Amino acid sequence: MKSQPLAATTTWRPVMEAAGYRCQCTGACGNPHAKAQGRCPREHDAYTSKHGHRVRLMAAPADVLASPAQAAALPVGELLAWCPDCHTAASRHARKTVPVDDAPGLFDL
């Protein structure tokens, strides 16, 4: 049996079952995952390497820029299984590519 979080199992479990307990990143992290047919190979409760850590997948929105309040309000069908490494890299990558609003400059009056 796969380990489960202590809270929110009614949300987490359906997302993991739909994903097959495997990270659903398809390159949003900047890694093309070429060796795994375009999808991250990390599985829940598996080790990353011989000396690595155990992978704990999380249920998070497909839009990595969603605020925590927006993410909490999403239905299960709009969540994906993410490994922490892919989620962090995808959110960093998305923040870099978001256009900046036209805010007044420091010396604009």
N, C-alpha and C. Protein backbone atom coordinates (compact mmCIF):
# COMPACT_ATOMS: atom_id res chain seq x y z
N MET A 1 0.84 -1.18 0.00
CA MET A 1 0.00 0.00 0.00
C MET A 1 0.87 1.23 0.00
N LYS A 2 0.47 2.20 -0.76
CA LYS A 2 1.18 3.47 -0.85
C LYS A 2 0.88 4.31 0.39
N SER A 3 1.88 5.07 0.84
CA SER A 3 1.65 5.97 1.97
C SER A 3 0.73 7.11 1.53
N GLN A 4 0.07 7.73 2.50
CA GLN A 4 -0.86 8.81 2.22
C GLN A 4 -0.60 9.95 3.18
N PRO A 5 -0.98 11.18 2.80
CA PRO A 5 -0.82 12.29 3.72
C PRO A 5 -1.78 12.14 4.90
N LEU A 6 -1.54 12.89 5.95
CA LEU A 6 -2.39 12.80 7.14
C LEU A 6 -3.70 13.56 6.97
N ALA A 7 -3.74 14.50 6.05
CA ALA A 7 -4.95 15.29 5.83
C ALA A 7 -5.27 15.35 4.34
N ALA A 8 -6.50 15.67 4.01
CA ALA A 8 -6.95 15.87 2.64
C ALA A 8 -6.85 14.62 1.77
N THR A 9 -7.02 13.46 2.36
CA THR A 9 -6.92 12.23 1.57
C THR A 9 -8.07 12.10 0.57
N THR A 10 -9.20 12.73 0.85
CA THR A 10 -10.32 12.65 -0.09
C THR A 10 -10.02 13.42 -1.37
N THR A 11 -9.10 14.35 -1.32
CA THR A 11 -8.65 15.07 -2.51
C THR A 11 -7.44 14.39 -3.12
N TRP A 12 -6.49 14.01 -2.28
CA TRP A 12 -5.21 13.48 -2.75
C TRP A 12 -5.36 12.14 -3.44
N ARG A 13 -6.09 11.22 -2.83
CA ARG A 13 -6.18 9.85 -3.36
C ARG A 13 -6.76 9.79 -4.78
N PRO A 14 -7.87 10.48 -5.10
CA PRO A 14 -8.38 10.40 -6.48
C PRO A 14 -7.40 10.96 -7.52
N VAL A 15 -6.66 12.01 -7.13
CA VAL A 15 -5.67 12.57 -8.06
C VAL A 15 -4.56 11.56 -8.33
N MET A 16 -4.09 10.91 -7.28
CA MET A 16 -3.01 9.92 -7.44
C MET A 16 -3.47 8.70 -8.22
N GLU A 17 -4.68 8.24 -7.95
CA GLU A 17 -5.20 7.08 -8.69
C GLU A 17 -5.35 7.39 -10.17
N ALA A 18 -5.82 8.60 -10.49
CA ALA A 18 -5.95 9.00 -11.90
C ALA A 18 -4.59 9.11 -12.57
N ALA A 19 -3.56 9.49 -11.81
CA ALA A 19 -2.21 9.64 -12.36
C ALA A 19 -1.42 8.34 -12.32
N GLY A 20 -1.96 7.31 -11.72
CA GLY A 20 -1.22 6.06 -11.57
C GLY A 20 -0.08 6.19 -10.58
N TYR A 21 -0.21 7.08 -9.60
CA TYR A 21 0.82 7.34 -8.59
C TYR A 21 2.15 7.73 -9.24
N ARG A 22 2.06 8.46 -10.35
CA ARG A 22 3.25 8.93 -11.08
C ARG A 22 3.10 10.41 -11.36
N CYS A 23 4.20 11.15 -11.27
CA CYS A 23 4.20 12.59 -11.53
C CYS A 23 3.66 12.85 -12.93
N GLN A 24 2.80 13.85 -13.06
CA GLN A 24 2.17 14.16 -14.33
C GLN A 24 2.85 15.31 -15.08
N CYS A 25 4.04 15.70 -14.66
CA CYS A 25 4.76 16.77 -15.36
C CYS A 25 5.12 16.29 -16.76
N THR A 26 4.83 17.11 -17.74
CA THR A 26 5.15 16.77 -19.13
C THR A 26 6.11 17.78 -19.74
N GLY A 27 7.00 18.31 -18.91
CA GLY A 27 8.00 19.25 -19.41
C GLY A 27 7.81 20.67 -18.92
N ALA A 28 6.81 20.94 -18.12
CA ALA A 28 6.60 22.29 -17.60
C ALA A 28 7.75 22.74 -16.72
N CYS A 29 8.51 21.80 -16.21
CA CYS A 29 9.65 22.09 -15.33
C CYS A 29 10.88 22.49 -16.13
N GLY A 30 10.84 22.39 -17.44
CA GLY A 30 11.99 22.69 -18.26
C GLY A 30 12.76 21.45 -18.68
N ASN A 31 12.43 20.31 -18.09
CA ASN A 31 13.07 19.04 -18.44
C ASN A 31 12.13 18.30 -19.40
N PRO A 32 12.62 17.94 -20.58
CA PRO A 32 11.72 17.27 -21.54
C PRO A 32 11.37 15.83 -21.16
N HIS A 33 12.00 15.27 -20.12
CA HIS A 33 11.75 13.90 -19.68
C HIS A 33 11.82 12.94 -20.87
N ALA A 34 12.87 13.08 -21.65
CA ALA A 34 13.02 12.31 -22.88
C ALA A 34 13.10 10.80 -22.66
N LYS A 35 13.66 10.37 -21.55
CA LYS A 35 13.80 8.93 -21.30
C LYS A 35 12.50 8.28 -20.85
N ALA A 36 11.49 9.09 -20.53
CA ALA A 36 10.22 8.54 -20.03
C ALA A 36 9.04 8.94 -20.92
N GLN A 37 9.27 9.01 -22.21
CA GLN A 37 8.23 9.34 -23.20
C GLN A 37 7.55 10.69 -22.90
N GLY A 38 8.30 11.68 -22.42
CA GLY A 38 7.77 13.02 -22.21
C GLY A 38 7.08 13.26 -20.89
N ARG A 39 7.05 12.27 -20.02
CA ARG A 39 6.41 12.43 -18.71
C ARG A 39 7.41 12.08 -17.62
N CYS A 40 7.38 12.80 -16.54
CA CYS A 40 8.30 12.57 -15.43
C CYS A 40 8.18 11.12 -14.95
N PRO A 41 9.30 10.44 -14.74
CA PRO A 41 9.26 9.03 -14.33
C PRO A 41 9.08 8.81 -12.83
N ARG A 42 9.08 9.85 -12.02
CA ARG A 42 9.02 9.67 -10.57
C ARG A 42 7.67 9.14 -10.12
N GLU A 43 7.73 8.14 -9.26
CA GLU A 43 6.53 7.52 -8.71
C GLU A 43 6.48 7.74 -7.20
N HIS A 44 5.26 7.80 -6.68
CA HIS A 44 5.06 8.00 -5.26
C HIS A 44 5.65 6.84 -4.46
N ASP A 45 6.34 7.15 -3.40
CA ASP A 45 6.98 6.19 -2.49
C ASP A 45 8.20 5.50 -3.09
N ALA A 46 8.62 5.86 -4.27
CA ALA A 46 9.83 5.28 -4.85
C ALA A 46 11.02 6.17 -4.48
N TYR A 47 12.20 5.61 -4.58
CA TYR A 47 13.40 6.38 -4.29
C TYR A 47 13.92 7.02 -5.57
N THR A 48 14.51 8.22 -5.44
CA THR A 48 15.03 8.92 -6.62
C THR A 48 16.30 8.29 -7.14
N SER A 49 17.09 7.71 -6.26
CA SER A 49 18.31 7.01 -6.64
C SER A 49 18.74 6.14 -5.47
N LYS A 50 19.87 5.50 -5.63
CA LYS A 50 20.34 4.61 -4.56
C LYS A 50 20.51 5.37 -3.25
N HIS A 51 21.02 6.60 -3.31
CA HIS A 51 21.25 7.39 -2.10
C HIS A 51 20.29 8.57 -2.00
N GLY A 52 19.25 8.56 -2.79
CA GLY A 52 18.31 9.67 -2.83
C GLY A 52 17.25 9.61 -1.77
N HIS A 53 16.31 10.48 -1.90
CA HIS A 53 15.21 10.55 -0.95
C HIS A 53 13.97 9.88 -1.55
N ARG A 54 13.02 9.62 -0.70
CA ARG A 54 11.77 9.00 -1.15
C ARG A 54 10.87 10.09 -1.75
N VAL A 55 10.26 9.78 -2.87
CA VAL A 55 9.40 10.73 -3.57
C VAL A 55 8.03 10.73 -2.92
N ARG A 56 7.54 11.90 -2.57
CA ARG A 56 6.19 12.08 -2.05
C ARG A 56 5.46 13.02 -3.00
N LEU A 57 4.58 12.46 -3.80
CA LEU A 57 3.82 13.28 -4.74
C LEU A 57 2.78 14.12 -4.02
N MET A 58 2.44 15.24 -4.64
CA MET A 58 1.41 16.12 -4.08
C MET A 58 0.38 16.43 -5.16
N ALA A 59 -0.82 16.71 -4.72
CA ALA A 59 -1.89 17.12 -5.63
C ALA A 59 -1.88 18.64 -5.68
N ALA A 60 -1.60 19.18 -6.85
CA ALA A 60 -1.51 20.63 -7.02
C ALA A 60 -2.12 21.01 -8.36
N PRO A 61 -2.49 22.29 -8.52
CA PRO A 61 -3.11 22.72 -9.77
C PRO A 61 -2.16 22.59 -10.96
N ALA A 62 -2.75 22.42 -12.13
CA ALA A 62 -1.95 22.40 -13.36
C ALA A 62 -1.32 23.76 -13.58
N ASP A 63 -2.02 24.83 -13.19
CA ASP A 63 -1.48 26.19 -13.26
C ASP A 63 -0.63 26.41 -12.03
N VAL A 64 0.67 26.34 -12.19
CA VAL A 64 1.56 26.44 -11.03
C VAL A 64 1.61 27.85 -10.45
N LEU A 65 1.04 28.83 -11.13
CA LEU A 65 1.00 30.20 -10.61
C LEU A 65 -0.26 30.48 -9.79
N ALA A 66 -1.11 29.50 -9.63
CA ALA A 66 -2.33 29.68 -8.83
C ALA A 66 -1.96 29.93 -7.37
N SER A 67 -2.68 30.83 -6.75
CA SER A 67 -2.42 31.13 -5.34
C SER A 67 -2.91 29.95 -4.49
N PRO A 68 -2.44 29.85 -3.25
CA PRO A 68 -2.92 28.77 -2.39
C PRO A 68 -4.45 28.80 -2.19
N ALA A 69 -5.05 29.98 -2.12
CA ALA A 69 -6.50 30.07 -1.96
C ALA A 69 -7.21 29.55 -3.21
N GLN A 70 -6.70 29.89 -4.38
CA GLN A 70 -7.28 29.39 -5.63
C GLN A 70 -7.12 27.88 -5.72
N ALA A 71 -5.96 27.38 -5.34
CA ALA A 71 -5.70 25.94 -5.41
C ALA A 71 -6.62 25.16 -4.49
N ALA A 72 -6.88 25.70 -3.31
CA ALA A 72 -7.75 25.01 -2.35
C ALA A 72 -9.19 24.94 -2.84
N ALA A 73 -9.59 25.88 -3.68
CA ALA A 73 -10.97 25.92 -4.17
C ALA A 73 -11.18 25.07 -5.42
N LEU A 74 -10.11 24.55 -6.00
CA LEU A 74 -10.25 23.77 -7.24
C LEU A 74 -10.83 22.39 -6.97
N PRO A 75 -11.64 21.90 -7.90
CA PRO A 75 -12.14 20.52 -7.77
C PRO A 75 -11.02 19.53 -8.09
N VAL A 76 -11.21 18.30 -7.69
CA VAL A 76 -10.21 17.24 -7.88
C VAL A 76 -9.82 17.09 -9.35
N GLY A 77 -10.76 17.27 -10.25
CA GLY A 77 -10.49 17.09 -11.67
C GLY A 77 -9.51 18.09 -12.26
N GLU A 78 -9.27 19.19 -11.56
CA GLU A 78 -8.35 20.22 -12.06
C GLU A 78 -6.99 20.17 -11.37
N LEU A 79 -6.74 19.11 -10.62
CA LEU A 79 -5.46 18.96 -9.94
C LEU A 79 -4.63 17.89 -10.63
N LEU A 80 -3.32 18.01 -10.53
CA LEU A 80 -2.40 17.04 -11.09
C LEU A 80 -1.50 16.50 -9.99
N ALA A 81 -0.93 15.35 -10.23
CA ALA A 81 0.07 14.79 -9.32
C ALA A 81 1.42 15.37 -9.71
N TRP A 82 2.10 15.99 -8.78
CA TRP A 82 3.40 16.60 -9.02
C TRP A 82 4.42 16.06 -8.03
N CYS A 83 5.64 15.80 -8.50
CA CYS A 83 6.74 15.55 -7.57
C CYS A 83 7.24 16.94 -7.16
N PRO A 84 7.79 17.08 -5.97
CA PRO A 84 8.22 18.41 -5.50
C PRO A 84 9.24 19.08 -6.43
N ASP A 85 10.16 18.31 -7.00
CA ASP A 85 11.18 18.90 -7.87
C ASP A 85 10.56 19.51 -9.13
N CYS A 86 9.66 18.79 -9.77
CA CYS A 86 9.00 19.30 -10.98
C CYS A 86 8.12 20.50 -10.67
N HIS A 87 7.39 20.44 -9.57
CA HIS A 87 6.50 21.55 -9.21
C HIS A 87 7.29 22.82 -8.95
N THR A 88 8.37 22.72 -8.21
CA THR A 88 9.20 23.88 -7.91
C THR A 88 9.81 24.45 -9.17
N ALA A 89 10.37 23.59 -10.01
CA ALA A 89 10.99 24.05 -11.25
C ALA A 89 9.96 24.65 -12.20
N ALA A 90 8.77 24.05 -12.27
CA ALA A 90 7.72 24.57 -13.16
C ALA A 90 7.24 25.94 -12.69
N SER A 91 7.11 26.14 -11.38
CA SER A 91 6.67 27.45 -10.90
C SER A 91 7.74 28.51 -11.12
N ARG A 92 9.01 28.15 -10.95
CA ARG A 92 10.10 29.10 -11.25
C ARG A 92 10.11 29.46 -12.73
N HIS A 93 9.97 28.45 -13.57
CA HIS A 93 9.97 28.67 -15.01
C HIS A 93 8.77 29.53 -15.42
N ALA A 94 7.62 29.29 -14.84
CA ALA A 94 6.41 30.06 -15.19
C ALA A 94 6.53 31.51 -14.73
N ARG A 95 7.14 31.74 -13.55
CA ARG A 95 7.30 33.11 -13.06
C ARG A 95 8.24 33.91 -13.95
N LYS A 96 9.22 33.25 -14.54
CA LYS A 96 10.16 33.94 -15.42
C LYS A 96 9.51 34.37 -16.72
N THR A 97 8.52 33.62 -17.18
CA THR A 97 7.91 33.89 -18.48
C THR A 97 6.64 34.74 -18.39
N VAL A 98 6.18 35.06 -17.18
CA VAL A 98 4.97 35.88 -17.02
C VAL A 98 5.30 37.32 -17.38
N PRO A 99 4.52 37.95 -18.26
CA PRO A 99 4.80 39.35 -18.59
C PRO A 99 4.54 40.26 -17.39
N VAL A 100 5.37 41.26 -17.27
CA VAL A 100 5.26 42.20 -16.17
C VAL A 100 4.30 43.31 -16.56
N ASP A 101 3.39 43.68 -15.64
CA ASP A 101 2.45 44.77 -15.92
C ASP A 101 3.21 46.08 -16.08
N ASP A 102 2.61 47.00 -16.79
CA ASP A 102 3.22 48.32 -16.96
C ASP A 102 3.03 49.13 -15.69
N ALA A 103 3.95 48.97 -14.80
CA ALA A 103 3.92 49.71 -13.54
C ALA A 103 4.77 50.96 -13.71
N PRO A 104 4.39 52.03 -13.04
CA PRO A 104 5.19 53.25 -13.17
C PRO A 104 6.61 53.01 -12.62
N GLY A 105 7.58 53.63 -13.27
CA GLY A 105 8.96 53.49 -12.85
C GLY A 105 9.23 54.29 -11.58
N LEU A 106 10.38 54.11 -11.05
CA LEU A 106 10.76 54.77 -9.81
C LEU A 106 10.76 56.28 -9.96
N PHE A 107 11.17 56.80 -11.14
CA PHE A 107 11.29 58.24 -11.30
C PHE A 107 10.18 58.84 -12.16
N ASP A 108 9.16 58.03 -12.48
CA ASP A 108 8.01 58.57 -13.24
C ASP A 108 7.10 59.32 -12.29
N LEU A 109 6.70 60.51 -12.72
CA LEU A 109 5.81 61.32 -11.88
C LEU A 109 4.42 61.33 -12.44
